[in-house]
Amino acid sequence: MAGTAVPGRLTWRVATLVDAVEETPTARTLVLEVPGWPGHLAGQHVDVRLTAEDGYRAQRSYSLAAPAKGDLVRITVQELADGEVSPYLVRGLSIGDPVELRGPVGGWFVWRPTDPSPVLLVAGGSGVVPLVAMVRARREAGVRTPFRLVYSVRSPGDRLYADELNRPEPGLDISYVYTRTTPEGWPAPPHRIGVPDVNSGGWPAEFEPACFVCGPTGFVEKVADILVALGHDPRRVRTERFGG
């Protein structure tokens, strides 16, 4: 982490796109240079604001995808077919273009490398973004906190950070739940996440893991209910959701 997020620093800043990575045909990671960036914690997000020539403004929130590198921050944007902001960020924003940004925002859904508790991450779709930021923060800090990630996604082609997550990493176990299409030879048919997935891919409740769940509202509510039913302390289940 480059610094400590302090509530109240929500001033708009002008960021510049300095690099971009195509994650899938509909998702792109933006590397933004933000002069004077105060640093952030894994799990926090930022607000991004676009202003049209006629003065019309649109604003959306996006999770930070990695620890800060000085003034450089990363966000990953999943394009929504009927979106107002995401299509421009995925397809229209070019290297050198400015965009307004403010943050970091949020102080509950965060992971600190000083926390020695095992960590369970459960992601639905692009909800994996802040959870991978935690994985990257763990890696960067060089700590051995055991992590498990359960990643629910529609198909193999929809996986974000696929190459990175395919590489073995000591202390990080990943399991996948495919909801529409599975890889060839996959041992389970497509299905929505359920008790067996969380039970086998997660930690036993008696290990007292810190649980982070992020995804669409219905997904988050279902997984949170499963975790509590499996005996996890609700106070150790932190959720972040998007959509209606």
C-alpha atoms as a PDB file:
ATOM      1  CA  MET A   1       0.000   0.000   0.000  1.00  0.00           C
ATOM      2  CA  ALA A   2       1.340   3.409  -0.884  1.00  0.00           C
ATOM      3  CA  GLY A   3      -0.340   5.213   1.972  1.00  0.00           C
ATOM      4  CA  THR A   4      -3.247   5.127   4.351  1.00  0.00           C
ATOM      5  CA  ALA A   5      -6.692   6.066   3.152  1.00  0.00           C
ATOM      6  CA  VAL A   6      -8.087   8.899   5.210  1.00  0.00           C
ATOM      7  CA  PRO A   7     -11.822   9.664   5.111  1.00  0.00           C
ATOM      8  CA  GLY A   8     -12.597  13.141   3.884  1.00  0.00           C
ATOM      9  CA  ARG A   9     -10.186  13.304   0.999  1.00  0.00           C
ATOM     10  CA  LEU A  10     -12.991  13.174  -1.512  1.00  0.00           C
ATOM     11  CA  THR A  11     -11.879  15.915  -3.807  1.00  0.00           C
ATOM     12  CA  TRP A  12     -12.129  15.455  -7.549  1.00  0.00           C
ATOM     13  CA  ARG A  13      -8.801  14.993  -9.257  1.00  0.00           C
ATOM     14  CA  VAL A  14      -7.900  14.933 -12.932  1.00  0.00           C
ATOM     15  CA  ALA A  15      -6.437  11.551 -13.826  1.00  0.00           C
ATOM     16  CA  THR A  16      -4.766  10.639 -17.104  1.00  0.00           C
ATOM     17  CA  LEU A  17      -4.962   7.258 -18.804  1.00  0.00           C
ATOM     18  CA  VAL A  18      -1.378   6.041 -19.224  1.00  0.00           C
ATOM     19  CA  ASP A  19      -1.948   2.359 -20.042  1.00  0.00           C
ATOM     20  CA  ALA A  20      -4.735  -0.133 -20.591  1.00  0.00           C
ATOM     21  CA  VAL A  21      -5.045  -3.924 -20.543  1.00  0.00           C
ATOM     22  CA  GLU A  22      -7.766  -5.843 -22.379  1.00  0.00           C
ATOM     23  CA  GLU A  23      -8.950  -8.402 -19.823  1.00  0.00           C
ATOM     24  CA  THR A  24     -11.812  -9.890 -21.877  1.00  0.00           C
ATOM     25  CA  PRO A  25     -13.681  -8.667 -24.997  1.00  0.00           C
ATOM     26  CA  THR A  26     -15.901  -6.599 -22.682  1.00  0.00           C
ATOM     27  CA  ALA A  27     -13.590  -5.614 -19.836  1.00  0.00           C
ATOM     28  CA  ARG A  28     -10.535  -3.415 -19.662  1.00  0.00           C
ATOM     29  CA  THR A  29      -8.139  -2.425 -16.910  1.00  0.00           C
ATOM     30  CA  LEU A  30      -7.278   1.263 -16.934  1.00  0.00           C
ATOM     31  CA  VAL A  31      -3.978   2.452 -15.496  1.00  0.00           C
ATOM     32  CA  LEU A  32      -4.507   6.051 -14.415  1.00  0.00           C
ATOM     33  CA  GLU A  33      -1.966   8.577 -13.265  1.00  0.00           C
ATOM     34  CA  VAL A  34      -3.455  10.659 -10.455  1.00  0.00           C
ATOM     35  CA  PRO A  35      -1.095  13.399  -9.243  1.00  0.00           C
ATOM     36  CA  GLY A  36      -1.035  13.572  -5.452  1.00  0.00           C
ATOM     37  CA  TRP A  37      -2.801  10.225  -4.950  1.00  0.00           C
ATOM     38  CA  PRO A  38      -2.937   9.593  -1.157  1.00  0.00           C
ATOM     39  CA  GLY A  39      -2.736   5.798  -1.365  1.00  0.00           C
ATOM     40  CA  HIS A  40      -5.449   3.255  -0.653  1.00  0.00           C
ATOM     41  CA  LEU A  41      -6.317  -0.096   0.908  1.00  0.00           C
ATOM     42  CA  ALA A  42      -7.229  -3.239  -0.990  1.00  0.00           C
ATOM     43  CA  GLY A  43     -11.008  -3.338  -1.325  1.00  0.00           C
ATOM     44  CA  GLN A  44     -11.609   0.392  -1.604  1.00  0.00           C
ATOM     45  CA  HIS A  45     -13.142   2.021  -4.661  1.00  0.00           C
ATOM     46  CA  VAL A  46     -13.182   5.338  -6.498  1.00  0.00           C
ATOM     47  CA  ASP A  47     -15.785   7.487  -8.162  1.00  0.00           C
ATOM     48  CA  VAL A  48     -15.246   8.305 -11.826  1.00  0.00           C
ATOM     49  CA  ARG A  49     -16.987  11.277 -13.433  1.00  0.00           C
ATOM     50  CA  LEU A  50     -17.411  12.073 -17.116  1.00  0.00           C
ATOM     51  CA  THR A  51     -18.538  15.448 -18.419  1.00  0.00           C
ATOM     52  CA  ALA A  52     -20.008  15.872 -21.906  1.00  0.00           C
ATOM     53  CA  GLU A  53     -19.414  18.938 -24.070  1.00  0.00           C
ATOM     54  CA  ASP A  54     -22.878  20.206 -23.171  1.00  0.00           C
ATOM     55  CA  GLY A  55     -22.057  19.975 -19.450  1.00  0.00           C
ATOM     56  CA  TYR A  56     -23.986  16.768 -18.762  1.00  0.00           C
ATOM     57  CA  ARG A  57     -22.238  14.676 -16.139  1.00  0.00           C
ATOM     58  CA  ALA A  58     -22.364  10.977 -15.306  1.00  0.00           C
ATOM     59  CA  GLN A  59     -20.661   9.328 -12.355  1.00  0.00           C
ATOM     60  CA  ARG A  60     -19.977   5.697 -11.435  1.00  0.00           C
ATOM     61  CA  SER A  61     -18.027   3.823  -8.776  1.00  0.00           C
ATOM     62  CA  TYR A  62     -15.302   1.303  -9.622  1.00  0.00           C
ATOM     63  CA  SER A  63     -13.211  -0.885  -7.366  1.00  0.00           C
ATOM     64  CA  LEU A  64      -9.489  -0.350  -7.281  1.00  0.00           C
ATOM     65  CA  ALA A  65      -7.860  -3.392  -8.834  1.00  0.00           C
ATOM     66  CA  ALA A  66      -4.393  -3.275  -7.285  1.00  0.00           C
ATOM     67  CA  PRO A  67      -2.257  -1.513  -4.685  1.00  0.00           C
ATOM     68  CA  ALA A  68      -1.174   1.956  -5.748  1.00  0.00           C
ATOM     69  CA  LYS A  69       2.200   2.482  -7.391  1.00  0.00           C
ATOM     70  CA  GLY A  70       2.957   6.036  -6.434  1.00  0.00           C
ATOM     71  CA  ASP A  71       0.510   8.129  -8.423  1.00  0.00           C
ATOM     72  CA  LEU A  72      -0.651   5.181 -10.553  1.00  0.00           C
ATOM     73  CA  VAL A  73      -3.929   3.417  -9.786  1.00  0.00           C
ATOM     74  CA  ARG A  74      -5.758   0.641 -11.629  1.00  0.00           C
ATOM     75  CA  ILE A  75      -9.456   0.069 -12.100  1.00  0.00           C
ATOM     76  CA  THR A  76     -11.085  -2.683 -14.144  1.00  0.00           C
ATOM     77  CA  VAL A  77     -14.265  -1.761 -15.975  1.00  0.00           C
ATOM     78  CA  GLN A  78     -16.810  -4.326 -17.171  1.00  0.00           C
ATOM     79  CA  GLU A  79     -18.814  -2.953 -20.079  1.00  0.00           C
ATOM     80  CA  LEU A  80     -22.572  -2.964 -19.603  1.00  0.00           C
ATOM     81  CA  ALA A  81     -24.622  -3.214 -22.790  1.00  0.00           C
ATOM     82  CA  ASP A  82     -26.976  -0.465 -21.644  1.00  0.00           C
ATOM     83  CA  GLY A  83     -24.341   1.412 -19.660  1.00  0.00           C
ATOM     84  CA  GLU A  84     -23.830   5.138 -19.801  1.00  0.00           C
ATOM     85  CA  VAL A  85     -20.213   5.299 -18.603  1.00  0.00           C
ATOM     86  CA  SER A  86     -18.675   1.850 -18.975  1.00  0.00           C
ATOM     87  CA  PRO A  87     -18.808   1.650 -22.824  1.00  0.00           C
ATOM     88  CA  TYR A  88     -16.770   4.842 -23.061  1.00  0.00           C
ATOM     89  CA  LEU A  89     -14.224   3.686 -20.482  1.00  0.00           C
ATOM     90  CA  VAL A  90     -13.834   0.299 -22.174  1.00  0.00           C
ATOM     91  CA  ARG A  91     -13.873   1.414 -25.824  1.00  0.00           C
ATOM     92  CA  GLY A  92     -13.627   5.175 -26.034  1.00  0.00           C
ATOM     93  CA  LEU A  93     -11.009   6.389 -23.551  1.00  0.00           C
ATOM     94  CA  SER A  94      -7.577   6.650 -25.193  1.00  0.00           C
ATOM     95  CA  ILE A  95      -4.066   6.898 -23.814  1.00  0.00           C
ATOM     96  CA  GLY A  96      -3.478  10.487 -22.719  1.00  0.00           C
ATOM     97  CA  ASP A  97      -7.163  11.249 -22.205  1.00  0.00           C
ATOM     98  CA  PRO A  98      -8.192  12.835 -18.891  1.00  0.00           C
ATOM     99  CA  VAL A  99     -10.955  11.627 -16.603  1.00  0.00           C
ATOM    100  CA  GLU A 100     -12.146  12.938 -13.257  1.00  0.00           C
ATOM    101  CA  LEU A 101     -11.677  10.681 -10.255  1.00  0.00           C
ATOM    102  CA  ARG A 102     -12.121  10.956  -6.504  1.00  0.00           C
ATOM    103  CA  GLY A 103     -11.350   8.657  -3.610  1.00  0.00           C
ATOM    104  CA  PRO A 104     -10.375   6.327  -2.172  1.00  0.00           C
ATOM    105  CA  VAL A 105     -13.814   5.492  -0.803  1.00  0.00           C
ATOM    106  CA  GLY A 106     -14.791   2.902   1.811  1.00  0.00           C
ATOM    107  CA  GLY A 107     -13.257   1.700   5.043  1.00  0.00           C
ATOM    108  CA  TRP A 108     -15.167  -1.501   5.883  1.00  0.00           C
ATOM    109  CA  PHE A 109     -14.657  -3.747   2.895  1.00  0.00           C
ATOM    110  CA  VAL A 110     -10.865  -3.659   3.121  1.00  0.00           C
ATOM    111  CA  TRP A 111      -8.097  -6.112   3.878  1.00  0.00           C
ATOM    112  CA  ARG A 112      -4.891  -5.176   5.639  1.00  0.00           C
ATOM    113  CA  PRO A 113      -1.743  -7.327   5.321  1.00  0.00           C
ATOM    114  CA  THR A 114      -1.257  -7.015   9.087  1.00  0.00           C
ATOM    115  CA  ASP A 115      -4.382  -9.162   9.672  1.00  0.00           C
ATOM    116  CA  PRO A 116      -3.137 -12.767  10.170  1.00  0.00           C
ATOM    117  CA  SER A 117      -6.575 -14.402   9.867  1.00  0.00           C
ATOM    118  CA  PRO A 118      -7.175 -16.759   6.945  1.00  0.00           C
ATOM    119  CA  VAL A 119      -9.085 -15.052   4.173  1.00  0.00           C
ATOM    120  CA  LEU A 120     -12.000 -16.321   2.123  1.00  0.00           C
ATOM    121  CA  LEU A 121     -12.860 -14.386  -1.017  1.00  0.00           C
ATOM    122  CA  VAL A 122     -16.083 -15.145  -2.901  1.00  0.00           C
ATOM    123  CA  ALA A 123     -16.617 -13.323  -6.181  1.00  0.00           C
ATOM    124  CA  GLY A 124     -19.509 -13.127  -8.615  1.00  0.00           C
ATOM    125  CA  GLY A 125     -18.499 -11.857 -12.073  1.00  0.00           C
ATOM    126  CA  SER A 126     -16.680  -8.530 -11.983  1.00  0.00           C
ATOM    127  CA  GLY A 127     -16.969  -8.658  -8.204  1.00  0.00           C
ATOM    128  CA  VAL A 128     -13.593 -10.342  -8.396  1.00  0.00           C
ATOM    129  CA  VAL A 129     -11.897  -6.957  -8.958  1.00  0.00           C
ATOM    130  CA  PRO A 130     -11.532  -5.783  -5.316  1.00  0.00           C
ATOM    131  CA  LEU A 131     -10.788  -9.361  -4.240  1.00  0.00           C
ATOM    132  CA  VAL A 132      -7.890  -9.657  -6.681  1.00  0.00           C
ATOM    133  CA  ALA A 133      -6.690  -6.318  -5.308  1.00  0.00           C
ATOM    134  CA  MET A 134      -6.456  -8.118  -1.943  1.00  0.00           C
ATOM    135  CA  VAL A 135      -4.564 -11.011  -3.543  1.00  0.00           C
ATOM    136  CA  ARG A 136      -2.152  -8.537  -5.094  1.00  0.00           C
ATOM    137  CA  ALA A 137      -1.759  -6.637  -1.820  1.00  0.00           C
ATOM    138  CA  ARG A 138      -0.898  -9.937  -0.083  1.00  0.00           C
ATOM    139  CA  ARG A 139       1.674 -10.713  -2.771  1.00  0.00           C
ATOM    140  CA  GLU A 140       3.181  -7.256  -2.651  1.00  0.00           C
ATOM    141  CA  ALA A 141       3.413  -7.279   1.152  1.00  0.00           C
ATOM    142  CA  GLY A 142       5.135 -10.668   1.073  1.00  0.00           C
ATOM    143  CA  VAL A 143       2.941 -12.090   3.829  1.00  0.00           C
ATOM    144  CA  ARG A 144       1.878 -15.739   4.039  1.00  0.00           C
ATOM    145  CA  THR A 145      -1.727 -15.220   5.092  1.00  0.00           C
ATOM    146  CA  PRO A 146      -3.627 -18.181   3.598  1.00  0.00           C
ATOM    147  CA  PHE A 147      -6.161 -17.112   0.980  1.00  0.00           C
ATOM    148  CA  ARG A 148      -8.945 -19.004  -0.736  1.00  0.00           C
ATOM    149  CA  LEU A 149     -10.896 -17.591  -3.659  1.00  0.00           C
ATOM    150  CA  VAL A 150     -14.189 -18.975  -4.954  1.00  0.00           C
ATOM    151  CA  TYR A 151     -14.860 -17.320  -8.306  1.00  0.00           C
ATOM    152  CA  SER A 152     -18.290 -17.652  -9.916  1.00  0.00           C
ATOM    153  CA  VAL A 153     -18.343 -16.626 -13.550  1.00  0.00           C
ATOM    154  CA  ARG A 154     -20.460 -17.322 -16.600  1.00  0.00           C
ATOM    155  CA  SER A 155     -17.820 -19.002 -18.765  1.00  0.00           C
ATOM    156  CA  PRO A 156     -14.039 -19.473 -18.993  1.00  0.00           C
ATOM    157  CA  GLY A 157     -13.857 -16.598 -21.467  1.00  0.00           C
ATOM    158  CA  ASP A 158     -15.431 -14.241 -18.949  1.00  0.00           C
ATOM    159  CA  ARG A 159     -12.765 -14.739 -16.290  1.00  0.00           C
ATOM    160  CA  LEU A 160     -10.898 -11.567 -15.430  1.00  0.00           C
ATOM    161  CA  TYR A 161      -7.136 -11.789 -14.803  1.00  0.00           C
ATOM    162  CA  ALA A 162      -7.219 -15.347 -16.171  1.00  0.00           C
ATOM    163  CA  ASP A 163      -3.476 -15.673 -16.841  1.00  0.00           C
ATOM    164  CA  GLU A 164      -2.546 -14.250 -13.447  1.00  0.00           C
ATOM    165  CA  LEU A 165      -4.955 -16.487 -11.579  1.00  0.00           C
ATOM    166  CA  ASN A 166      -3.822 -19.548 -13.536  1.00  0.00           C
ATOM    167  CA  ARG A 167      -0.291 -19.186 -12.176  1.00  0.00           C
ATOM    168  CA  PRO A 168       0.287 -21.210  -8.999  1.00  0.00           C
ATOM    169  CA  GLU A 169       0.835 -19.059  -5.938  1.00  0.00           C
ATOM    170  CA  PRO A 170       1.772 -20.524  -2.543  1.00  0.00           C
ATOM    171  CA  GLY A 171      -0.957 -20.027   0.003  1.00  0.00           C
ATOM    172  CA  LEU A 172      -3.615 -19.091  -2.561  1.00  0.00           C
ATOM    173  CA  ASP A 173      -6.222 -21.698  -3.531  1.00  0.00           C
ATOM    174  CA  ILE A 174      -8.782 -20.910  -6.225  1.00  0.00           C
ATOM    175  CA  SER A 175     -11.940 -22.756  -7.207  1.00  0.00           C
ATOM    176  CA  TYR A 176     -14.344 -21.841  -9.989  1.00  0.00           C
ATOM    177  CA  VAL A 177     -18.086 -22.068 -10.398  1.00  0.00           C
ATOM    178  CA  TYR A 178     -19.297 -21.717 -13.979  1.00  0.00           C
ATOM    179  CA  THR A 179     -22.893 -20.647 -14.419  1.00  0.00           C
ATOM    180  CA  ARG A 180     -23.382 -21.027 -18.193  1.00  0.00           C
ATOM    181  CA  THR A 181     -20.453 -22.755 -19.933  1.00  0.00           C
ATOM    182  CA  THR A 182     -17.726 -24.911 -18.452  1.00  0.00           C
ATOM    183  CA  PRO A 183     -14.292 -25.791 -19.830  1.00  0.00           C
ATOM    184  CA  GLU A 184     -14.115 -29.086 -21.681  1.00  0.00           C
ATOM    185  CA  GLY A 185     -13.952 -31.959 -19.246  1.00  0.00           C
ATOM    186  CA  TRP A 186     -14.971 -29.843 -16.256  1.00  0.00           C
ATOM    187  CA  PRO A 187     -16.234 -32.150 -13.490  1.00  0.00           C
ATOM    188  CA  ALA A 188     -19.468 -30.241 -12.750  1.00  0.00           C
ATOM    189  CA  PRO A 189     -22.251 -28.937 -14.997  1.00  0.00           C
ATOM    190  CA  PRO A 190     -22.981 -25.190 -15.122  1.00  0.00           C
ATOM    191  CA  HIS A 191     -24.825 -24.056 -12.021  1.00  0.00           C
ATOM    192  CA  ARG A 192     -25.273 -21.173  -9.657  1.00  0.00           C
ATOM    193  CA  ILE A 193     -23.142 -21.106  -6.543  1.00  0.00           C
ATOM    194  CA  GLY A 194     -24.438 -23.179  -3.661  1.00  0.00           C
ATOM    195  CA  VAL A 195     -23.568 -24.602  -0.282  1.00  0.00           C
ATOM    196  CA  PRO A 196     -21.225 -27.333  -1.628  1.00  0.00           C
ATOM    197  CA  ASP A 197     -19.178 -24.763  -3.566  1.00  0.00           C
ATOM    198  CA  VAL A 198     -18.714 -22.444  -0.588  1.00  0.00           C
ATOM    199  CA  ASN A 199     -18.171 -25.329   1.798  1.00  0.00           C
ATOM    200  CA  SER A 200     -15.534 -27.101  -0.293  1.00  0.00           C
ATOM    201  CA  GLY A 201     -13.823 -23.980  -1.630  1.00  0.00           C
ATOM    202  CA  GLY A 202     -13.829 -22.019   1.614  1.00  0.00           C
ATOM    203  CA  TRP A 203     -12.508 -22.399   5.127  1.00  0.00           C
ATOM    204  CA  PRO A 204     -14.235 -24.183   8.001  1.00  0.00           C
ATOM    205  CA  ALA A 205     -16.006 -21.702  10.257  1.00  0.00           C
ATOM    206  CA  GLU A 206     -13.880 -22.760  13.228  1.00  0.00           C
ATOM    207  CA  PHE A 207     -10.828 -21.325  11.461  1.00  0.00           C
ATOM    208  CA  GLU A 208     -12.476 -17.903  11.886  1.00  0.00           C
ATOM    209  CA  PRO A 209     -11.551 -16.579   8.458  1.00  0.00           C
ATOM    210  CA  ALA A 210     -12.151 -13.038   7.318  1.00  0.00           C
ATOM    211  CA  CYS A 211     -14.772 -13.419   4.579  1.00  0.00           C
ATOM    212  CA  PHE A 212     -15.169 -10.961   1.707  1.00  0.00           C
ATOM    213  CA  VAL A 213     -18.042 -11.383  -0.759  1.00  0.00           C
ATOM    214  CA  CYS A 214     -18.500  -9.165  -3.815  1.00  0.00           C
ATOM    215  CA  GLY A 215     -20.851  -9.378  -6.784  1.00  0.00           C
ATOM    216  CA  PRO A 216     -24.426  -8.662  -7.837  1.00  0.00           C
ATOM    217  CA  THR A 217     -26.876  -8.101  -4.992  1.00  0.00           C
ATOM    218  CA  GLY A 218     -28.623 -11.474  -5.291  1.00  0.00           C
ATOM    219  CA  PHE A 219     -25.303 -13.317  -5.401  1.00  0.00           C
ATOM    220  CA  VAL A 220     -23.944 -11.509  -2.356  1.00  0.00           C
ATOM    221  CA  GLU A 221     -27.063 -12.101  -0.295  1.00  0.00           C
ATOM    222  CA  LYS A 222     -27.093 -15.799  -1.171  1.00  0.00           C
ATOM    223  CA  VAL A 223     -23.411 -16.337  -0.338  1.00  0.00           C
ATOM    224  CA  ALA A 224     -23.672 -14.368   2.896  1.00  0.00           C
ATOM    225  CA  ASP A 225     -26.631 -16.531   3.940  1.00  0.00           C
ATOM    226  CA  ILE A 226     -24.664 -19.677   3.087  1.00  0.00           C
ATOM    227  CA  LEU A 227     -21.681 -18.564   5.135  1.00  0.00           C
ATOM    228  CA  VAL A 228     -23.818 -17.829   8.164  1.00  0.00           C
ATOM    229  CA  ALA A 229     -25.623 -21.165   7.747  1.00  0.00           C
ATOM    230  CA  LEU A 230     -22.218 -22.870   7.686  1.00  0.00           C
ATOM    231  CA  GLY A 231     -21.439 -21.325  11.053  1.00  0.00           C
ATOM    232  CA  HIS A 232     -19.401 -18.272  10.123  1.00  0.00           C
ATOM    233  CA  ASP A 233     -19.701 -15.280  12.418  1.00  0.00           C
ATOM    234  CA  PRO A 234     -21.767 -12.639  10.543  1.00  0.00           C
ATOM    235  CA  ARG A 235     -19.427 -10.001  11.928  1.00  0.00           C
ATOM    236  CA  ARG A 236     -16.611 -11.573   9.914  1.00  0.00           C
ATOM    237  CA  VAL A 237     -18.559 -11.572   6.650  1.00  0.00           C
ATOM    238  CA  ARG A 238     -18.011  -8.358   4.727  1.00  0.00           C
ATOM    239  CA  THR A 239     -19.969  -7.702   1.573  1.00  0.00           C
ATOM    240  CA  GLU A 240     -19.812  -5.367  -1.377  1.00  0.00           C
ATOM    241  CA  ARG A 241     -22.540  -5.428  -3.991  1.00  0.00           C
ATOM    242  CA  PHE A 242     -23.571  -3.808  -7.210  1.00  0.00           C
ATOM    243  CA  GLY A 243     -26.712  -3.680  -9.297  1.00  0.00           C
ATOM    244  CA  GLY A 244     -30.327  -3.857  -8.250  1.00  0.00           C
END
